[in-house]
Amino acid sequence: RDNYDYQEVMVRAQAGIDFNRKGMDISQSFGSSSSYARKYALNGL
């Protein structure tokens, strides 16, 4: 709160969510898209 003595580097990535993906319920679809986007953000960083 009182100290902003830091540096950061940020990368972001996106992945679409398919609500009707066969064999997955909605939480699995969100989780799959999250994992994919996170992996590609790390790839970029």
All heavy atoms as atom14 arrays in JSON, in Angstrom:
{
  "sequence": "RDNYDYQEVMVRAQAGIDFNRKGMDISQSFGSSSSYARKYALNGL",
  "atom14_mask": [
    [1, 1, 1, 1, 1, 1, 1, 1, 1, 1, 1, 0, 0, 0],
    [1, 1, 1, 1, 1, 1, 1, 1, 0, 0, 0, 0, 0, 0],
    [1, 1, 1, 1, 1, 1, 1, 1, 0, 0, 0, 0, 0, 0],
    [1, 1, 1, 1, 1, 1, 1, 1, 1, 1, 1, 1, 0, 0],
    [1, 1, 1, 1, 1, 1, 1, 1, 0, 0, 0, 0, 0, 0],
    [1, 1, 1, 1, 1, 1, 1, 1, 1, 1, 1, 1, 0, 0],
    [1, 1, 1, 1, 1, 1, 1, 1, 1, 0, 0, 0, 0, 0],
    [1, 1, 1, 1, 1, 1, 1, 1, 1, 0, 0, 0, 0, 0],
    [1, 1, 1, 1, 1, 1, 1, 0, 0, 0, 0, 0, 0, 0],
    [1, 1, 1, 1, 1, 1, 1, 1, 0, 0, 0, 0, 0, 0],
    [1, 1, 1, 1, 1, 1, 1, 0, 0, 0, 0, 0, 0, 0],
    [1, 1, 1, 1, 1, 1, 1, 1, 1, 1, 1, 0, 0, 0],
    [1, 1, 1, 1, 1, 0, 0, 0, 0, 0, 0, 0, 0, 0],
    [1, 1, 1, 1, 1, 1, 1, 1, 1, 0, 0, 0, 0, 0],
    [1, 1, 1, 1, 1, 0, 0, 0, 0, 0, 0, 0, 0, 0],
    [1, 1, 1, 1, 0, 0, 0, 0, 0, 0, 0, 0, 0, 0],
    [1, 1, 1, 1, 1, 1, 1, 1, 0, 0, 0, 0, 0, 0],
    [1, 1, 1, 1, 1, 1, 1, 1, 0, 0, 0, 0, 0, 0],
    [1, 1, 1, 1, 1, 1, 1, 1, 1, 1, 1, 0, 0, 0],
    [1, 1, 1, 1, 1, 1, 1, 1, 0, 0, 0, 0, 0, 0],
    [1, 1, 1, 1, 1, 1, 1, 1, 1, 1, 1, 0, 0, 0],
    [1, 1, 1, 1, 1, 1, 1, 1, 1, 0, 0, 0, 0, 0],
    [1, 1, 1, 1, 0, 0, 0, 0, 0, 0, 0, 0, 0, 0],
    [1, 1, 1, 1, 1, 1, 1, 1, 0, 0, 0, 0, 0, 0],
    [1, 1, 1, 1, 1, 1, 1, 1, 0, 0, 0, 0, 0, 0],
    [1, 1, 1, 1, 1, 1, 1, 1, 0, 0, 0, 0, 0, 0],
    [1, 1, 1, 1, 1, 1, 0, 0, 0, 0, 0, 0, 0, 0],
    [1, 1, 1, 1, 1, 1, 1, 1, 1, 0, 0, 0, 0, 0],
    [1, 1, 1, 1, 1, 1, 0, 0, 0, 0, 0, 0, 0, 0],
    [1, 1, 1, 1, 1, 1, 1, 1, 1, 1, 1, 0, 0, 0],
    [1, 1, 1, 1, 0, 0, 0, 0, 0, 0, 0, 0, 0, 0],
    [1, 1, 1, 1, 1, 1, 0, 0, 0, 0, 0, 0, 0, 0],
    [1, 1, 1, 1, 1, 1, 0, 0, 0, 0, 0, 0, 0, 0],
    [1, 1, 1, 1, 1, 1, 0, 0, 0, 0, 0, 0, 0, 0],
    [1, 1, 1, 1, 1, 1, 0, 0, 0, 0, 0, 0, 0, 0],
    [1, 1, 1, 1, 1, 1, 1, 1, 1, 1, 1, 1, 0, 0],
    [1, 1, 1, 1, 1, 0, 0, 0, 0, 0, 0, 0, 0, 0],
    [1, 1, 1, 1, 1, 1, 1, 1, 1, 1, 1, 0, 0, 0],
    [1, 1, 1, 1, 1, 1, 1, 1, 1, 0, 0, 0, 0, 0],
    [1, 1, 1, 1, 1, 1, 1, 1, 1, 1, 1, 1, 0, 0],
    [1, 1, 1, 1, 1, 0, 0, 0, 0, 0, 0, 0, 0, 0],
    [1, 1, 1, 1, 1, 1, 1, 1, 0, 0, 0, 0, 0, 0],
    [1, 1, 1, 1, 1, 1, 1, 1, 0, 0, 0, 0, 0, 0],
    [1, 1, 1, 1, 0, 0, 0, 0, 0, 0, 0, 0, 0, 0],
    [1, 1, 1, 1, 1, 1, 1, 1, 0, 0, 0, 0, 0, 0]
  ],
  "atom14_positions": [
    [[0.81, -1.22, 0.0], [0.0, 0.0, 0.0], [0.85, 1.27, 0.0], [0.49, 2.26, -0.64], [-0.92, -0.05, 1.21], [-1.91, 1.05, 1.24], [-2.9, 0.99, 2.35], [-2.73, -0.11, 3.27], [-3.61, -0.41, 4.2], [-4.7, 0.3, 4.31], [-3.42, -1.41, 5.03], [0.0, 0.0, 0.0], [0.0, 0.0, 0.0], [0.0, 0.0, 0.0]],
    [[1.96, 1.27, 0.72], [2.77, 2.47, 0.86], [4.05, 2.46, 0.04], [4.77, 3.45, 0.01], [3.13, 2.67, 2.34], [1.89, 2.81, 3.21], [0.94, 3.48, 2.76], [1.87, 2.21, 4.3], [0.0, 0.0, 0.0], [0.0, 0.0, 0.0], [0.0, 0.0, 0.0], [0.0, 0.0, 0.0], [0.0, 0.0, 0.0], [0.0, 0.0, 0.0]],
    [[4.37, 1.33, -0.58], [5.66, 1.19, -1.25], [5.45, 0.64, -2.65], [4.94, -0.46, -2.82], [6.56, 0.24, -0.43], [7.91, 0.06, -1.06], [8.29, 0.77, -1.99], [8.65, -0.91, -0.56], [0.0, 0.0, 0.0], [0.0, 0.0, 0.0], [0.0, 0.0, 0.0], [0.0, 0.0, 0.0], [0.0, 0.0, 0.0], [0.0, 0.0, 0.0]],
    [[5.85, 1.4, -3.63], [5.72, 0.95, -5.01], [7.09, 0.81, -5.65], [7.32, 1.19, -6.79], [4.88, 1.95, -5.81], [3.44, 1.96, -5.37], [2.99, 2.89, -4.45], [2.55, 1.03, -5.87], [1.66, 2.89, -4.05], [1.23, 1.02, -5.47], [0.79, 1.96, -4.55], [-0.52, 1.95, -4.14], [0.0, 0.0, 0.0], [0.0, 0.0, 0.0]],
    [[8.03, 0.24, -4.9], [9.39, 0.07, -5.37], [9.52, -1.3, -6.04], [10.07, -2.23, -5.47], [10.36, 0.19, -4.19], [11.81, 0.19, -4.65], [12.06, 0.52, -5.83], [12.67, -0.16, -3.83], [0.0, 0.0, 0.0], [0.0, 0.0, 0.0], [0.0, 0.0, 0.0], [0.0, 0.0, 0.0], [0.0, 0.0, 0.0], [0.0, 0.0, 0.0]],
    [[8.97, -1.43, -7.23], [9.03, -2.7, -7.94], [9.05, -2.43, -9.44], [8.71, -1.35, -9.9], [7.85, -3.6, -7.57], [6.52, -3.11, -8.1], [6.03, -3.59, -9.32], [5.76, -2.18, -7.4], [4.82, -3.13, -9.81], [4.56, -1.74, -7.89], [4.09, -2.22, -9.09], [2.9, -1.78, -9.59], [0.0, 0.0, 0.0], [0.0, 0.0, 0.0]],
    [[9.47, -3.45, -10.17], [9.42, -3.43, -11.63], [8.69, -4.68, -12.06], [8.75, -5.72, -11.39], [10.82, -3.46, -12.24], [11.61, -2.2, -12.02], [12.93, -2.28, -12.78], [13.62, -3.29, -12.74], [13.26, -1.21, -13.49], [0.0, 0.0, 0.0], [0.0, 0.0, 0.0], [0.0, 0.0, 0.0], [0.0, 0.0, 0.0], [0.0, 0.0, 0.0]],
    [[8.0, -4.6, -13.19], [7.33, -5.78, -13.69], [7.31, -5.8, -15.21], [7.42, -4.77, -15.86], [5.91, -5.91, -13.13], [4.94, -4.86, -13.59], [3.55, -5.03, -12.98], [3.43, -5.6, -11.88], [2.59, -4.58, -13.6], [0.0, 0.0, 0.0], [0.0, 0.0, 0.0], [0.0, 0.0, 0.0], [0.0, 0.0, 0.0], [0.0, 0.0, 0.0]],
    [[7.2, -7.02, -15.71], [7.05, -7.26, -17.14], [5.8, -8.12, -17.28], [5.66, -9.12, -16.59], [8.27, -8.0, -17.73], [8.06, -8.28, -19.21], [9.55, -7.21, -17.5], [0.0, 0.0, 0.0], [0.0, 0.0, 0.0], [0.0, 0.0, 0.0], [0.0, 0.0, 0.0], [0.0, 0.0, 0.0], [0.0, 0.0, 0.0], [0.0, 0.0, 0.0]],
    [[4.89, -7.7, -18.15], [3.64, -8.43, -18.31], [3.43, -8.83, -19.77], [3.72, -8.06, -20.68], [2.46, -7.57, -17.88], [1.12, -8.3, -18.03], [-0.31, -7.26, -17.67], [-0.35, -6.2, -19.09], [0.0, 0.0, 0.0], [0.0, 0.0, 0.0], [0.0, 0.0, 0.0], [0.0, 0.0, 0.0], [0.0, 0.0, 0.0], [0.0, 0.0, 0.0]],
    [[2.94, -10.06, -19.94], [2.54, -10.54, -21.26], [1.15, -11.13, -21.12], [0.83, -11.74, -20.1], [3.53, -11.62, -21.78], [3.04, -12.24, -23.07], [4.91, -11.02, -21.97], [0.0, 0.0, 0.0], [0.0, 0.0, 0.0], [0.0, 0.0, 0.0], [0.0, 0.0, 0.0], [0.0, 0.0, 0.0], [0.0, 0.0, 0.0], [0.0, 0.0, 0.0]],
    [[0.33, -10.95, -22.13], [-1.01, -11.54, -22.09], [-1.27, -12.32, -23.36], [-0.67, -12.07, -24.4], [-2.07, -10.48, -21.84], [-2.12, -9.41, -22.87], [-3.13, -8.37, -22.47], [-2.98, -7.2, -23.32], [-3.6, -6.08, -23.14], [-4.42, -5.95, -22.14], [-3.41, -5.09, -23.95], [0.0, 0.0, 0.0], [0.0, 0.0, 0.0], [0.0, 0.0, 0.0]],
    [[-2.18, -13.27, -23.23], [-2.57, -14.1, -24.37], [-4.05, -14.45, -24.22], [-4.58, -14.44, -23.1], [-1.72, -15.38, -24.44], [0.0, 0.0, 0.0], [0.0, 0.0, 0.0], [0.0, 0.0, 0.0], [0.0, 0.0, 0.0], [0.0, 0.0, 0.0], [0.0, 0.0, 0.0], [0.0, 0.0, 0.0], [0.0, 0.0, 0.0], [0.0, 0.0, 0.0]],
    [[-4.69, -14.77, -25.32], [-6.12, -15.06, -25.31], [-6.4, -16.44, -25.89], [-5.64, -16.93, -26.72], [-6.9, -14.02, -26.13], [-6.75, -12.6, -25.66], [-5.47, -11.93, -26.11], [-4.89, -12.26, -27.13], [-5.01, -10.97, -25.33], [0.0, 0.0, 0.0], [0.0, 0.0, 0.0], [0.0, 0.0, 0.0], [0.0, 0.0, 0.0], [0.0, 0.0, 0.0]],
    [[-7.52, -17.0, -25.45], [-8.01, -18.26, -26.01], [-9.53, -18.24, -25.96], [-10.12, -17.89, -24.93], [-7.46, -19.46, -25.23], [0.0, 0.0, 0.0], [0.0, 0.0, 0.0], [0.0, 0.0, 0.0], [0.0, 0.0, 0.0], [0.0, 0.0, 0.0], [0.0, 0.0, 0.0], [0.0, 0.0, 0.0], [0.0, 0.0, 0.0], [0.0, 0.0, 0.0]],
    [[-10.14, -18.6, -27.07], [-11.6, -18.63, -27.14], [-12.19, -19.73, -26.28], [-11.54, -20.72, -25.97], [0.0, 0.0, 0.0], [0.0, 0.0, 0.0], [0.0, 0.0, 0.0], [0.0, 0.0, 0.0], [0.0, 0.0, 0.0], [0.0, 0.0, 0.0], [0.0, 0.0, 0.0], [0.0, 0.0, 0.0], [0.0, 0.0, 0.0], [0.0, 0.0, 0.0]],
    [[-13.44, -19.52, -25.88], [-14.16, -20.51, -25.08], [-15.27, -21.08, -25.94], [-16.11, -20.33, -26.45], [-14.77, -19.87, -23.82], [-13.68, -19.23, -22.96], [-15.56, -20.9, -23.02], [-14.22, -18.35, -21.85], [0.0, 0.0, 0.0], [0.0, 0.0, 0.0], [0.0, 0.0, 0.0], [0.0, 0.0, 0.0], [0.0, 0.0, 0.0], [0.0, 0.0, 0.0]],
    [[-15.25, -22.38, -26.12], [-16.3, -23.07, -26.88], [-17.29, -23.66, -25.87], [-16.98, -24.65, -25.21], [-15.7, -24.16, -27.76], [-16.73, -24.88, -28.6], [-17.94, -24.61, -28.45], [-16.34, -25.73, -29.41], [0.0, 0.0, 0.0], [0.0, 0.0, 0.0], [0.0, 0.0, 0.0], [0.0, 0.0, 0.0], [0.0, 0.0, 0.0], [0.0, 0.0, 0.0]],
    [[-18.45, -23.04, -25.74], [-19.44, -23.48, -24.76], [-20.06, -24.83, -25.13], [-20.64, -25.5, -24.29], [-20.56, -22.45, -24.62], [-20.07, -21.13, -24.09], [-20.04, -20.0, -24.89], [-19.63, -21.02, -22.78], [-19.6, -18.8, -24.4], [-19.18, -19.81, -22.27], [-19.16, -18.69, -23.09], [0.0, 0.0, 0.0], [0.0, 0.0, 0.0], [0.0, 0.0, 0.0]],
    [[-19.94, -25.22, -26.38], [-20.58, -26.45, -26.85], [-19.57, -27.53, -27.23], [-19.88, -28.4, -28.03], [-21.48, -26.14, -28.06], [-22.55, -25.14, -27.71], [-23.25, -25.3, -26.71], [-22.67, -24.09, -28.51], [0.0, 0.0, 0.0], [0.0, 0.0, 0.0], [0.0, 0.0, 0.0], [0.0, 0.0, 0.0], [0.0, 0.0, 0.0], [0.0, 0.0, 0.0]],
    [[-18.4, -27.47, -26.67], [-17.37, -28.45, -27.02], [-17.81, -29.83, -26.55], [-18.11, -30.04, -25.38], [-16.04, -28.08, -26.37], [-14.92, -28.95, -26.87], [-13.61, -28.3, -26.69], [-12.59, -29.19, -27.24], [-11.32, -29.01, -27.08], [-10.88, -27.98, -26.4], [-10.46, -29.85, -27.6], [0.0, 0.0, 0.0], [0.0, 0.0, 0.0], [0.0, 0.0, 0.0]],
    [[-17.82, -30.75, -27.48], [-18.27, -32.11, -27.18], [-17.36, -32.76, -26.16], [-16.14, -32.64, -26.21], [-18.32, -32.95, -28.45], [-19.42, -32.51, -29.39], [-19.53, -33.44, -30.57], [-20.65, -32.95, -31.47], [-20.88, -33.82, -32.58], [0.0, 0.0, 0.0], [0.0, 0.0, 0.0], [0.0, 0.0, 0.0], [0.0, 0.0, 0.0], [0.0, 0.0, 0.0]],
    [[-17.97, -33.48, -25.22], [-17.23, -34.22, -24.22], [-16.78, -33.38, -23.04], [-16.08, -33.87, -22.18], [0.0, 0.0, 0.0], [0.0, 0.0, 0.0], [0.0, 0.0, 0.0], [0.0, 0.0, 0.0], [0.0, 0.0, 0.0], [0.0, 0.0, 0.0], [0.0, 0.0, 0.0], [0.0, 0.0, 0.0], [0.0, 0.0, 0.0], [0.0, 0.0, 0.0]],
    [[-17.16, -32.09, -23.0], [-16.75, -31.22, -21.89], [-17.97, -30.5, -21.33], [-18.82, -30.03, -22.09], [-15.76, -30.14, -22.36], [-14.4, -30.63, -22.68], [-13.32, -29.19, -22.92], [-11.81, -30.01, -23.3], [0.0, 0.0, 0.0], [0.0, 0.0, 0.0], [0.0, 0.0, 0.0], [0.0, 0.0, 0.0], [0.0, 0.0, 0.0], [0.0, 0.0, 0.0]],
    [[-18.01, -30.38, -20.0], [-19.02, -29.51, -19.42], [-18.46, -28.09, -19.43], [-17.32, -27.85, -19.82], [-19.46, -29.97, -18.03], [-18.37, -29.87, -16.97], [-17.43, -29.07, -17.14], [-18.48, -30.6, -15.96], [0.0, 0.0, 0.0], [0.0, 0.0, 0.0], [0.0, 0.0, 0.0], [0.0, 0.0, 0.0], [0.0, 0.0, 0.0], [0.0, 0.0, 0.0]],
    [[-19.26, -27.12, -18.99], [-18.87, -25.72, -19.11], [-17.6, -25.39, -18.32], [-16.75, -24.64, -18.79], [-20.04, -24.78, -18.74], [-19.76, -23.34, -19.18], [-20.35, -24.83, -17.26], [-19.8, -23.14, -20.65], [0.0, 0.0, 0.0], [0.0, 0.0, 0.0], [0.0, 0.0, 0.0], [0.0, 0.0, 0.0], [0.0, 0.0, 0.0], [0.0, 0.0, 0.0]],
    [[-17.45, -25.97, -17.13], [-16.25, -25.68, -16.34], [-15.0, -26.24, -17.01], [-13.93, -25.62, -16.97], [-16.39, -26.22, -14.91], [-16.54, -27.62, -14.93], [0.0, 0.0, 0.0], [0.0, 0.0, 0.0], [0.0, 0.0, 0.0], [0.0, 0.0, 0.0], [0.0, 0.0, 0.0], [0.0, 0.0, 0.0], [0.0, 0.0, 0.0], [0.0, 0.0, 0.0]],
    [[-15.12, -27.4, -17.64], [-13.98, -27.97, -18.36], [-13.61, -27.12, -19.57], [-12.43, -26.94, -19.88], [-14.29, -29.4, -18.79], [-14.37, -30.37, -17.64], [-14.9, -31.72, -18.07], [-15.84, -31.82, -18.87], [-14.32, -32.78, -17.54], [0.0, 0.0, 0.0], [0.0, 0.0, 0.0], [0.0, 0.0, 0.0], [0.0, 0.0, 0.0], [0.0, 0.0, 0.0]],
    [[-14.61, -26.58, -20.23], [-14.35, -25.72, -21.38], [-13.62, -24.45, -20.96], [-12.65, -24.03, -21.59], [-15.68, -25.37, -22.07], [-15.44, -24.59, -23.22], [0.0, 0.0, 0.0], [0.0, 0.0, 0.0], [0.0, 0.0, 0.0], [0.0, 0.0, 0.0], [0.0, 0.0, 0.0], [0.0, 0.0, 0.0], [0.0, 0.0, 0.0], [0.0, 0.0, 0.0]],
    [[-14.07, -23.84, -19.85], [-13.38, -22.67, -19.33], [-11.96, -23.02, -18.9], [-11.01, -22.29, -19.19], [-14.14, -22.07, -18.14], [-15.2, -21.08, -18.53], [-16.41, -21.5, -19.03], [-14.98, -19.72, -18.37], [-17.39, -20.6, -19.39], [-15.96, -18.8, -18.72], [-17.17, -19.24, -19.23], [0.0, 0.0, 0.0], [0.0, 0.0, 0.0], [0.0, 0.0, 0.0]],
    [[-11.8, -24.15, -18.19], [-10.49, -24.56, -17.72], [-9.52, -24.83, -18.86], [-8.35, -24.46, -18.8], [0.0, 0.0, 0.0], [0.0, 0.0, 0.0], [0.0, 0.0, 0.0], [0.0, 0.0, 0.0], [0.0, 0.0, 0.0], [0.0, 0.0, 0.0], [0.0, 0.0, 0.0], [0.0, 0.0, 0.0], [0.0, 0.0, 0.0], [0.0, 0.0, 0.0]],
    [[-10.01, -25.47, -19.91], [-9.18, -25.76, -21.07], [-8.71, -24.46, -21.73], [-7.53, -24.31, -22.07], [-9.99, -26.6, -22.06], [-9.28, -26.8, -23.25], [0.0, 0.0, 0.0], [0.0, 0.0, 0.0], [0.0, 0.0, 0.0], [0.0, 0.0, 0.0], [0.0, 0.0, 0.0], [0.0, 0.0, 0.0], [0.0, 0.0, 0.0], [0.0, 0.0, 0.0]],
    [[-9.62, -23.51, -21.89], [-9.25, -22.23, -22.49], [-8.28, -21.47, -21.6], [-7.34, -20.84, -22.08], [-10.5, -21.39, -22.76], [-11.32, -22.03, -23.71], [0.0, 0.0, 0.0], [0.0, 0.0, 0.0], [0.0, 0.0, 0.0], [0.0, 0.0, 0.0], [0.0, 0.0, 0.0], [0.0, 0.0, 0.0], [0.0, 0.0, 0.0], [0.0, 0.0, 0.0]],
    [[-8.49, -21.52, -20.29], [-7.58, -20.86, -19.34], [-6.18, -21.45, -19.45], [-5.19, -20.7, -19.53], [-8.11, -21.0, -17.92], [-7.16, -20.55, -16.99], [0.0, 0.0, 0.0], [0.0, 0.0, 0.0], [0.0, 0.0, 0.0], [0.0, 0.0, 0.0], [0.0, 0.0, 0.0], [0.0, 0.0, 0.0], [0.0, 0.0, 0.0], [0.0, 0.0, 0.0]],
    [[-6.08, -22.78, -19.44], [-4.76, -23.42, -19.53], [-4.05, -23.03, -20.82], [-2.85, -22.76, -20.82], [-4.91, -24.95, -19.48], [-5.36, -25.36, -18.23], [0.0, 0.0, 0.0], [0.0, 0.0, 0.0], [0.0, 0.0, 0.0], [0.0, 0.0, 0.0], [0.0, 0.0, 0.0], [0.0, 0.0, 0.0], [0.0, 0.0, 0.0], [0.0, 0.0, 0.0]],
    [[-4.79, -23.02, -21.92], [-4.22, -22.68, -23.22], [-3.7, -21.23, -23.21], [-2.57, -20.96, -23.61], [-5.28, -22.86, -24.31], [-4.75, -22.78, -25.71], [-4.25, -23.9, -26.35], [-4.76, -21.58, -26.41], [-3.76, -23.83, -27.64], [-4.28, -21.51, -27.7], [-3.78, -22.63, -28.31], [-3.31, -22.56, -29.58], [0.0, 0.0, 0.0], [0.0, 0.0, 0.0]],
    [[-4.53, -20.29, -22.73], [-4.13, -18.89, -22.71], [-2.93, -18.68, -21.79], [-1.99, -17.94, -22.12], [-5.3, -18.01, -22.28], [0.0, 0.0, 0.0], [0.0, 0.0, 0.0], [0.0, 0.0, 0.0], [0.0, 0.0, 0.0], [0.0, 0.0, 0.0], [0.0, 0.0, 0.0], [0.0, 0.0, 0.0], [0.0, 0.0, 0.0], [0.0, 0.0, 0.0]],
    [[-2.94, -19.34, -20.63], [-1.82, -19.2, -19.69], [-0.53, -19.73, -20.29], [0.53, -19.13, -20.16], [-2.14, -19.93, -18.38], [-3.15, -19.22, -17.53], [-3.56, -20.02, -16.32], [-4.43, -19.23, -15.48], [-4.37, -19.21, -14.15], [-3.51, -19.98, -13.52], [-5.18, -18.44, -13.46], [0.0, 0.0, 0.0], [0.0, 0.0, 0.0], [0.0, 0.0, 0.0]],
    [[-0.61, -20.87, -20.96], [0.58, -21.45, -21.58], [1.16, -20.49, -22.61], [2.38, -20.28, -22.66], [0.23, -22.79, -22.24], [1.41, -23.44, -22.93], [1.08, -24.82, -23.41], [0.78, -24.81, -24.88], [0.75, -26.15, -25.47], [0.0, 0.0, 0.0], [0.0, 0.0, 0.0], [0.0, 0.0, 0.0], [0.0, 0.0, 0.0], [0.0, 0.0, 0.0]],
    [[0.32, -19.87, -23.41], [0.83, -18.98, -24.44], [1.29, -17.64, -23.88], [2.2, -17.01, -24.44], [-0.15, -18.85, -25.6], [-0.02, -20.09, -26.45], [-0.85, -21.19, -26.26], [1.02, -20.21, -27.36], [-0.67, -22.35, -26.98], [1.2, -21.35, -28.1], [0.36, -22.43, -27.9], [0.56, -23.58, -28.62], [0.0, 0.0, 0.0], [0.0, 0.0, 0.0]],
    [[0.75, -17.2, -22.75], [1.29, -16.02, -22.08], [2.7, -16.32, -21.57], [3.62, -15.51, -21.73], [0.37, -15.58, -20.94], [0.0, 0.0, 0.0], [0.0, 0.0, 0.0], [0.0, 0.0, 0.0], [0.0, 0.0, 0.0], [0.0, 0.0, 0.0], [0.0, 0.0, 0.0], [0.0, 0.0, 0.0], [0.0, 0.0, 0.0], [0.0, 0.0, 0.0]],
    [[2.88, -17.5, -20.98], [4.21, -17.92, -20.52], [5.17, -18.08, -21.7], [6.34, -17.69, -21.62], [4.13, -19.22, -19.72], [3.44, -19.11, -18.37], [3.18, -20.49, -17.79], [4.26, -18.26, -17.41], [0.0, 0.0, 0.0], [0.0, 0.0, 0.0], [0.0, 0.0, 0.0], [0.0, 0.0, 0.0], [0.0, 0.0, 0.0], [0.0, 0.0, 0.0]],
    [[4.69, -18.65, -22.8], [5.52, -18.77, -24.0], [6.02, -17.41, -24.46], [7.19, -17.25, -24.82], [4.74, -19.42, -25.15], [4.59, -20.91, -25.01], [5.13, -21.53, -24.1], [3.83, -21.51, -25.91], [0.0, 0.0, 0.0], [0.0, 0.0, 0.0], [0.0, 0.0, 0.0], [0.0, 0.0, 0.0], [0.0, 0.0, 0.0], [0.0, 0.0, 0.0]],
    [[5.14, -16.41, -24.43], [5.53, -15.07, -24.84], [6.51, -14.43, -23.88], [7.49, -13.81, -24.3], [0.0, 0.0, 0.0], [0.0, 0.0, 0.0], [0.0, 0.0, 0.0], [0.0, 0.0, 0.0], [0.0, 0.0, 0.0], [0.0, 0.0, 0.0], [0.0, 0.0, 0.0], [0.0, 0.0, 0.0], [0.0, 0.0, 0.0], [0.0, 0.0, 0.0]],
    [[6.27, -14.59, -22.59], [7.14, -13.99, -21.59], [8.55, -14.58, -21.63], [9.54, -13.87, -21.57], [6.53, -14.16, -20.19], [7.3, -13.55, -19.03], [7.43, -12.03, -19.18], [6.6, -13.89, -17.71], [0.0, 0.0, 0.0], [0.0, 0.0, 0.0], [0.0, 0.0, 0.0], [0.0, 0.0, 0.0], [0.0, 0.0, 0.0], [0.0, 0.0, 0.0]]
  ]
}
